[in-house]
Amino acid sequence: MVRSRTLARISAAAFIAVGWTGIAAAAPAAAIFPFEIFDTSGEAPQPDLTERLAMATRVLSEALEKTGRYSPVDLAPFGAEVAATSPRYRCGNCFLPVARQAGAAFAIVPVVHKVSSLISSMDIWILDASSGADVAHLGGQIRGDTAEAYEHGVRFLVRNRLPADDPPDNGAQSK
């Protein structure tokens, strides 16, 4: 009798510990839209620009997932809808319905503003997909118009400019 009670208590404690661990591990879904370029340099586009923007998007997705704070959703099934939102940096949050349709709690919109082949700025906006409220803005200058500069810029912004606190629940006040 005493042995069965002890076994029941141990089983209950193990069940509770496993249950709490599973609940705490879930990161909110995030629709990470492809990087876009806002080019005011007047220079001819480099032939590898499309690949560079795709690489920067992959690096951003991996870096944000690695933080444990966001779980990227697959936007591939929404390719036509994503393309229709371009340019996202001036569409008035037209991408939010796509983020919600993909099941995301957050929409992440990155852009490079190219001023010259030496100077660009990189901005990553994180918005609440339900309300459109700004959650965070990661911004900084990058030097060079190369894959290495883009990758370094993305990693720097996620590592050094992402706010330290967890993303708010949907409907929370913006920062």
Protein backbone atom coordinates (compact mmCIF):
# COMPACT_ATOMS: atom_id res chain seq x y z
CA MET A 1 0.00 0.00 0.00
CA VAL A 2 2.76 2.46 0.98
CA ARG A 3 4.77 1.34 -2.03
CA SER A 4 1.90 2.01 -4.45
CA ARG A 5 1.37 5.52 -3.00
CA THR A 6 5.05 6.31 -3.40
CA LEU A 7 4.99 5.05 -6.98
CA ALA A 8 1.88 7.14 -7.70
CA ARG A 9 3.53 10.27 -6.28
CA ILE A 10 6.69 9.74 -8.33
CA SER A 11 4.63 9.20 -11.48
CA ALA A 12 2.58 12.34 -10.84
CA ALA A 13 5.72 14.42 -10.23
CA ALA A 14 7.30 13.14 -13.45
CA PHE A 15 4.13 13.87 -15.42
CA ILE A 16 3.95 17.43 -14.08
CA ALA A 17 7.64 18.10 -14.80
CA VAL A 18 7.38 16.83 -18.38
CA GLY A 19 4.14 18.75 -18.96
CA TRP A 20 5.58 22.07 -17.79
CA THR A 21 8.72 21.62 -19.89
CA GLY A 22 6.66 21.09 -23.04
CA ILE A 23 4.54 24.17 -22.41
CA ALA A 24 7.51 26.48 -21.87
CA ALA A 25 9.34 25.35 -25.02
CA ALA A 26 6.87 26.60 -27.65
CA ALA A 27 8.02 29.75 -29.47
CA PRO A 28 5.40 31.89 -31.23
CA ALA A 29 5.05 31.43 -34.98
CA ALA A 30 6.63 34.15 -37.12
CA ALA A 31 6.14 34.90 -40.81
CA ILE A 32 9.59 36.00 -41.95
CA PHE A 33 9.09 37.77 -45.25
CA PRO A 34 11.90 37.87 -47.83
CA PHE A 35 14.45 40.65 -47.70
CA GLU A 36 13.78 43.44 -50.18
CA ILE A 37 16.02 46.21 -51.44
CA PHE A 38 15.17 49.88 -51.62
CA ASP A 39 17.88 51.08 -53.99
CA THR A 40 18.47 54.83 -54.26
CA SER A 41 22.10 54.48 -55.36
CA GLY A 42 21.53 54.96 -59.07
CA GLU A 43 23.96 52.10 -59.67
CA ALA A 44 23.20 49.08 -61.84
CA PRO A 45 22.02 46.09 -59.76
CA GLN A 46 24.66 43.43 -59.18
CA PRO A 47 23.92 40.08 -60.84
CA ASP A 48 23.97 38.18 -57.51
CA LEU A 49 21.46 40.48 -55.75
CA THR A 50 18.55 38.00 -55.82
CA GLU A 51 20.71 35.23 -54.33
CA ARG A 52 22.13 37.63 -51.73
CA LEU A 53 18.66 38.70 -50.57
CA ALA A 54 17.56 35.04 -50.38
CA MET A 55 20.67 34.17 -48.36
CA ALA A 56 20.03 37.08 -45.97
CA THR A 57 16.45 35.85 -45.48
CA ARG A 58 17.70 32.32 -44.66
CA VAL A 59 20.27 33.70 -42.21
CA LEU A 60 17.60 35.85 -40.55
CA SER A 61 15.21 32.92 -40.21
CA GLU A 62 17.91 30.66 -38.74
CA ALA A 63 19.21 33.36 -36.37
CA LEU A 64 15.74 34.23 -35.04
CA GLU A 65 14.86 30.56 -34.58
CA LYS A 66 18.16 29.98 -32.77
CA THR A 67 17.17 32.61 -30.18
CA GLY A 68 14.28 30.33 -29.20
CA ARG A 69 11.92 33.30 -29.31
CA TYR A 70 10.39 32.80 -32.77
CA SER A 71 9.37 29.76 -34.77
CA PRO A 72 9.47 30.56 -38.51
CA VAL A 73 6.46 29.45 -40.56
CA ASP A 74 6.77 28.25 -44.14
CA LEU A 75 5.64 31.01 -46.49
CA ALA A 76 6.30 28.94 -49.65
CA PRO A 77 2.62 27.89 -50.00
CA PHE A 78 1.77 31.61 -50.02
CA GLY A 79 4.32 32.60 -52.68
CA ALA A 80 1.86 34.49 -54.89
CA GLU A 81 0.39 36.35 -51.92
CA VAL A 82 3.87 37.25 -50.61
CA ALA A 83 4.94 38.53 -54.05
CA ALA A 84 1.79 40.66 -54.29
CA THR A 85 2.78 42.53 -51.10
CA SER A 86 6.04 43.86 -52.57
CA PRO A 87 7.39 46.39 -51.79
CA ARG A 88 6.48 45.67 -48.18
CA TYR A 89 8.45 48.63 -46.82
CA ARG A 90 5.81 50.99 -48.21
CA CYS A 91 2.60 48.97 -48.55
CA GLY A 92 0.86 50.03 -45.34
CA ASN A 93 1.07 46.64 -43.59
CA CYS A 94 -0.47 44.84 -46.60
CA PHE A 95 1.51 41.74 -45.58
CA LEU A 96 -0.37 41.21 -42.29
CA PRO A 97 -3.23 39.16 -43.84
CA VAL A 98 -0.64 36.82 -45.38
CA ALA A 99 1.09 36.40 -42.00
CA ARG A 100 -2.23 35.60 -40.33
CA GLN A 101 -3.21 33.20 -43.13
CA ALA A 102 0.11 31.38 -42.57
CA GLY A 103 -0.78 31.01 -38.87
CA ALA A 104 1.84 33.46 -37.60
CA ALA A 105 1.58 35.55 -34.46
CA PHE A 106 4.28 37.89 -35.77
CA ALA A 107 5.23 39.35 -39.15
CA ILE A 108 8.91 40.08 -39.71
CA VAL A 109 9.74 42.45 -42.56
CA PRO A 110 13.40 43.04 -43.53
CA VAL A 111 14.73 45.60 -46.01
CA VAL A 112 18.10 46.90 -47.18
CA HIS A 113 18.24 50.57 -48.22
CA LYS A 114 21.18 50.83 -50.61
CA VAL A 115 22.62 54.33 -50.77
CA SER A 116 25.80 53.30 -52.60
CA SER A 117 27.90 50.19 -53.07
CA LEU A 118 29.72 51.18 -49.87
CA ILE A 119 26.88 52.36 -47.63
CA SER A 120 23.53 50.71 -46.92
CA SER A 121 21.19 50.46 -43.98
CA MET A 122 19.48 47.27 -42.90
CA ASP A 123 16.15 47.34 -41.09
CA ILE A 124 14.11 44.48 -39.67
CA TRP A 125 10.63 45.25 -38.35
CA ILE A 126 8.77 42.82 -36.10
CA LEU A 127 5.03 43.43 -35.95
CA ASP A 128 2.13 41.80 -34.16
CA ALA A 129 0.27 39.99 -36.95
CA SER A 130 -3.13 40.56 -35.35
CA SER A 131 -2.94 44.27 -34.57
CA GLY A 132 -0.08 45.49 -36.74
CA ALA A 133 1.55 47.03 -33.66
CA ASP A 134 5.32 47.43 -33.80
CA VAL A 135 7.02 44.95 -31.49
CA ALA A 136 10.63 45.75 -32.36
CA HIS A 137 12.79 47.52 -34.91
CA LEU A 138 16.32 46.28 -35.52
CA GLY A 139 18.30 48.75 -37.59
CA GLY A 140 21.87 49.57 -38.47
CA GLN A 141 24.37 50.48 -41.16
CA ILE A 142 26.21 47.91 -43.22
CA ARG A 143 29.38 48.56 -45.17
CA GLY A 144 29.67 46.97 -48.57
CA ASP A 145 27.30 45.48 -51.10
CA THR A 146 28.40 41.86 -50.69
CA ALA A 147 27.00 38.60 -49.36
CA GLU A 148 29.44 38.79 -46.44
CA ALA A 149 28.24 42.29 -45.50
CA TYR A 150 24.59 41.22 -45.63
CA GLU A 151 25.20 38.09 -43.55
CA HIS A 152 27.25 40.01 -40.98
CA GLY A 153 24.56 42.71 -40.81
CA VAL A 154 21.75 40.22 -40.15
CA ARG A 155 23.69 38.35 -37.47
CA PHE A 156 24.74 41.60 -35.79
CA LEU A 157 21.19 42.96 -35.68
CA VAL A 158 19.70 39.77 -34.23
CA ARG A 159 22.51 39.38 -31.70
CA ASN A 160 22.79 43.04 -30.63
CA ARG A 161 19.55 44.84 -31.46
CA LEU A 162 16.82 42.31 -30.73
CA PRO A 163 15.20 43.41 -27.45
CA ALA A 164 16.19 41.20 -24.54
CA ASP A 165 12.66 40.48 -23.36
CA ASP A 166 10.39 37.85 -24.85
CA PRO A 167 7.97 38.88 -27.58
CA PRO A 168 4.65 40.05 -26.13
CA ASP A 169 1.47 38.08 -26.53
CA ASN A 170 -0.76 39.13 -29.40
CA GLY A 171 -2.58 42.31 -28.50
CA ALA A 172 0.13 43.54 -26.14
CA GLN A 173 1.27 47.14 -26.33
CA SER A 174 4.02 47.93 -28.80
CA LYS A 175 7.49 48.94 -27.69
